Amino acid sequence: MSATSDDPFKDDMLKVHLTKAGRTKIRYPALLLADDGTQVTVRAPWASDGVRDFGFVRFEPGDVFTEHYWRNRWYSVKEVRTAQGWLKGWYCDVTRPAVLDSGELVVEDLDLDLWVSADGSTVLRLDEDEFEESGLTDRDPVAAAEAVRALDELEVVAQVSGLATLLD
């Protein structure tokens, strides 16, 4: 969907800008679904070219991401569905709290991630080695501690009540 001057969704479009270590990791358009002042929810198609196969899930053209960001939490939760609407699962990024300014949602990726399968039976902590190698613990120990706490919280919620409980 493009936002032209005749597009009724123009005001509902924004750019998601994911950064990592001060650099742009990816930037893509998304449809703003909700913003209650604390939580921002957007929907966007898979933003990369081609297929990304993680072994436990494949992200591919046609997949739709409903992404939940918070201004007061150190993570985002992305519900991933196929083009046909089948739930693949949830991909969670540990991030600094999101900032929405002038139509751009800026989020800083802190390397740690969590994958939860659609049925909740698989909960995987990801990229802990990248987090250790990033040097964040030395550069910003407070942020590093928040990142680890956020990953732990996401894992507990996923195993006990399910990530959908965070999204209500």
Protein backbone atom coordinates (compact mmCIF):
# COMPACT_ATOMS: atom_id res chain seq x y z
CA MET A 1 0.00 0.00 0.00
CA SER A 2 1.40 3.37 -0.91
CA ALA A 3 0.42 6.60 0.76
CA THR A 4 -0.56 9.08 -1.97
CA SER A 5 -2.35 12.36 -1.51
CA ASP A 6 -5.65 10.60 -2.31
CA ASP A 7 -4.94 7.72 0.07
CA PRO A 8 -7.34 7.70 3.06
CA PHE A 9 -4.71 5.77 5.07
CA LYS A 10 -1.98 8.38 4.57
CA ASP A 11 -2.32 9.73 8.11
CA ASP A 12 -2.16 6.17 9.46
CA MET A 13 1.20 5.37 7.85
CA LEU A 14 4.52 5.71 9.60
CA LYS A 15 8.08 4.50 9.22
CA VAL A 16 9.55 1.92 11.57
CA HIS A 17 13.25 2.64 12.00
CA LEU A 18 15.18 -0.16 13.69
CA THR A 19 18.70 0.80 14.73
CA LYS A 20 21.53 -1.25 16.16
CA ALA A 21 24.71 0.17 17.69
CA GLY A 22 23.90 3.61 16.29
CA ARG A 23 23.31 2.44 12.71
CA THR A 24 20.16 1.83 10.72
CA LYS A 25 19.42 -1.88 10.63
CA ILE A 26 16.19 -1.59 8.62
CA ARG A 27 13.56 1.01 7.87
CA TYR A 28 10.11 0.22 6.46
CA PRO A 29 6.59 1.64 6.15
CA ALA A 30 3.88 0.37 8.46
CA LEU A 31 0.20 1.01 9.03
CA LEU A 32 -0.51 2.53 12.44
CA LEU A 33 -3.26 0.45 14.06
CA ALA A 34 -3.27 1.94 17.56
CA ASP A 35 -1.41 4.33 19.84
CA ASP A 36 -2.67 4.70 23.40
CA GLY A 37 0.24 6.87 24.51
CA THR A 38 2.18 3.89 25.91
CA GLN A 39 1.77 1.10 23.37
CA VAL A 40 2.06 1.57 19.59
CA THR A 41 0.76 -1.17 17.30
CA VAL A 42 1.54 -1.30 13.59
CA ARG A 43 1.10 -3.77 10.76
CA ALA A 44 3.60 -4.30 7.97
CA PRO A 45 4.51 -6.92 5.41
CA TRP A 46 7.83 -8.79 5.72
CA ALA A 47 10.24 -5.95 4.99
CA SER A 48 13.27 -7.81 3.67
CA ASP A 49 13.90 -9.18 0.21
CA GLY A 50 13.51 -12.91 -0.15
CA VAL A 51 13.28 -15.60 2.51
CA ARG A 52 15.02 -15.63 5.88
CA ASP A 53 15.18 -19.18 7.20
CA PHE A 54 16.09 -19.41 10.89
CA GLY A 55 15.64 -23.19 11.01
CA PHE A 56 12.74 -22.94 13.45
CA VAL A 57 10.73 -20.49 11.28
CA ARG A 58 10.89 -18.97 7.81
CA PHE A 59 10.03 -15.33 7.19
CA GLU A 60 9.10 -14.82 3.56
CA PRO A 61 7.41 -12.43 1.16
CA GLY A 62 3.71 -12.25 1.95
CA ASP A 63 4.15 -12.71 5.70
CA VAL A 64 2.38 -10.05 7.76
CA PHE A 65 3.77 -8.70 11.02
CA THR A 66 1.54 -7.07 13.63
CA GLU A 67 4.12 -5.31 15.79
CA HIS A 68 3.63 -4.07 19.32
CA TYR A 69 6.03 -1.47 20.73
CA TRP A 70 6.02 0.21 24.12
CA ARG A 71 7.38 3.53 25.27
CA ASN A 72 7.97 2.10 28.76
CA ARG A 73 9.14 -1.47 28.08
CA TRP A 74 12.45 -2.80 26.85
CA TYR A 75 11.02 -5.07 24.13
CA SER A 76 8.70 -5.37 21.18
CA VAL A 77 6.45 -8.30 20.29
CA LYS A 78 5.76 -9.14 16.65
CA GLU A 79 2.95 -11.51 15.75
CA VAL A 80 3.89 -13.24 12.48
CA ARG A 81 1.28 -14.63 10.08
CA THR A 82 1.40 -16.09 6.59
CA ALA A 83 -0.23 -14.26 3.70
CA GLN A 84 -3.19 -16.62 4.23
CA GLY A 85 -3.51 -15.55 7.88
CA TRP A 86 -2.02 -18.63 9.58
CA LEU A 87 -0.18 -17.77 12.79
CA LYS A 88 3.51 -18.73 12.63
CA GLY A 89 4.35 -17.39 16.08
CA TRP A 90 5.81 -14.39 17.86
CA TYR A 91 9.23 -12.85 17.37
CA CYS A 92 10.30 -10.61 20.23
CA ASP A 93 13.12 -8.09 20.04
CA VAL A 94 14.74 -6.79 23.19
CA THR A 95 15.05 -3.05 22.58
CA ARG A 96 15.21 0.28 24.31
CA PRO A 97 11.73 1.78 24.77
CA ALA A 98 10.28 3.00 21.47
CA VAL A 99 10.11 6.65 20.47
CA LEU A 100 7.47 7.92 18.02
CA ASP A 101 8.30 11.32 16.58
CA SER A 102 7.13 13.01 13.38
CA GLY A 103 5.74 9.82 11.86
CA GLU A 104 8.80 7.72 12.60
CA LEU A 105 8.89 4.95 15.21
CA VAL A 106 12.53 4.59 16.31
CA VAL A 107 13.60 1.45 18.15
CA GLU A 108 17.13 0.42 19.17
CA ASP A 109 17.78 -3.32 18.93
CA LEU A 110 19.84 -4.69 21.86
CA ASP A 111 20.59 -8.06 20.19
CA LEU A 112 18.59 -10.37 22.47
CA ASP A 113 15.53 -12.02 20.92
CA LEU A 114 12.88 -14.58 21.78
CA TRP A 115 10.91 -16.83 19.42
CA VAL A 116 7.62 -18.44 20.47
CA SER A 117 5.89 -20.89 18.15
CA ALA A 118 2.20 -20.49 17.33
CA ASP A 119 1.18 -23.26 19.73
CA GLY A 120 3.50 -21.97 22.47
CA SER A 121 5.36 -25.27 22.71
CA THR A 122 8.67 -23.82 21.49
CA VAL A 123 10.25 -20.88 23.33
CA LEU A 124 13.75 -20.04 22.15
CA ARG A 125 16.18 -17.47 23.54
CA LEU A 126 18.20 -16.10 20.64
CA ASP A 127 21.41 -14.17 20.02
CA GLU A 128 22.75 -14.25 23.57
CA ASP A 129 26.24 -14.65 22.06
CA GLU A 130 25.77 -11.48 19.96
CA PHE A 131 24.64 -9.64 23.07
CA GLU A 132 27.76 -10.67 24.97
CA GLU A 133 29.99 -9.68 22.04
CA SER A 134 28.25 -6.30 21.62
CA GLY A 135 30.04 -4.78 24.63
CA LEU A 136 26.81 -3.24 25.93
CA THR A 137 27.52 -4.59 29.42
CA ASP A 138 30.67 -2.43 29.58
CA ARG A 139 29.35 0.60 27.64
CA ASP A 140 25.95 0.84 29.31
CA PRO A 141 25.53 -1.58 32.23
CA VAL A 142 22.08 -0.20 33.12
CA ALA A 143 20.76 -0.86 29.59
CA ALA A 144 22.41 -4.29 29.57
CA ALA A 145 20.70 -5.20 32.85
CA GLU A 146 17.33 -3.97 31.49
CA ALA A 147 17.86 -6.05 28.34
CA VAL A 148 18.52 -9.25 30.28
CA ARG A 149 15.57 -8.53 32.59
CA ALA A 150 13.30 -7.96 29.55
CA LEU A 151 14.33 -11.25 27.94
CA ASP A 152 13.72 -13.10 31.19
CA GLU A 153 10.29 -11.46 31.54
CA LEU A 154 9.29 -12.34 27.98
CA GLU A 155 10.35 -15.95 28.46
CA VAL A 156 8.33 -16.31 31.67
CA VAL A 157 5.23 -14.72 30.14
CA ALA A 158 5.55 -16.97 27.07
CA GLN A 159 5.81 -20.11 29.19
CA VAL A 160 3.20 -19.24 31.82
CA SER A 161 0.39 -17.25 30.24
CA GLY A 162 1.35 -16.74 26.58
CA LEU A 163 2.53 -13.61 24.81
CA ALA A 164 -0.99 -12.74 23.70
CA THR A 165 -1.65 -11.64 27.29
CA LEU A 166 0.78 -8.75 26.77
CA LEU A 167 -1.13 -7.53 23.77
CA ASP A 168 -4.60 -7.08 25.24
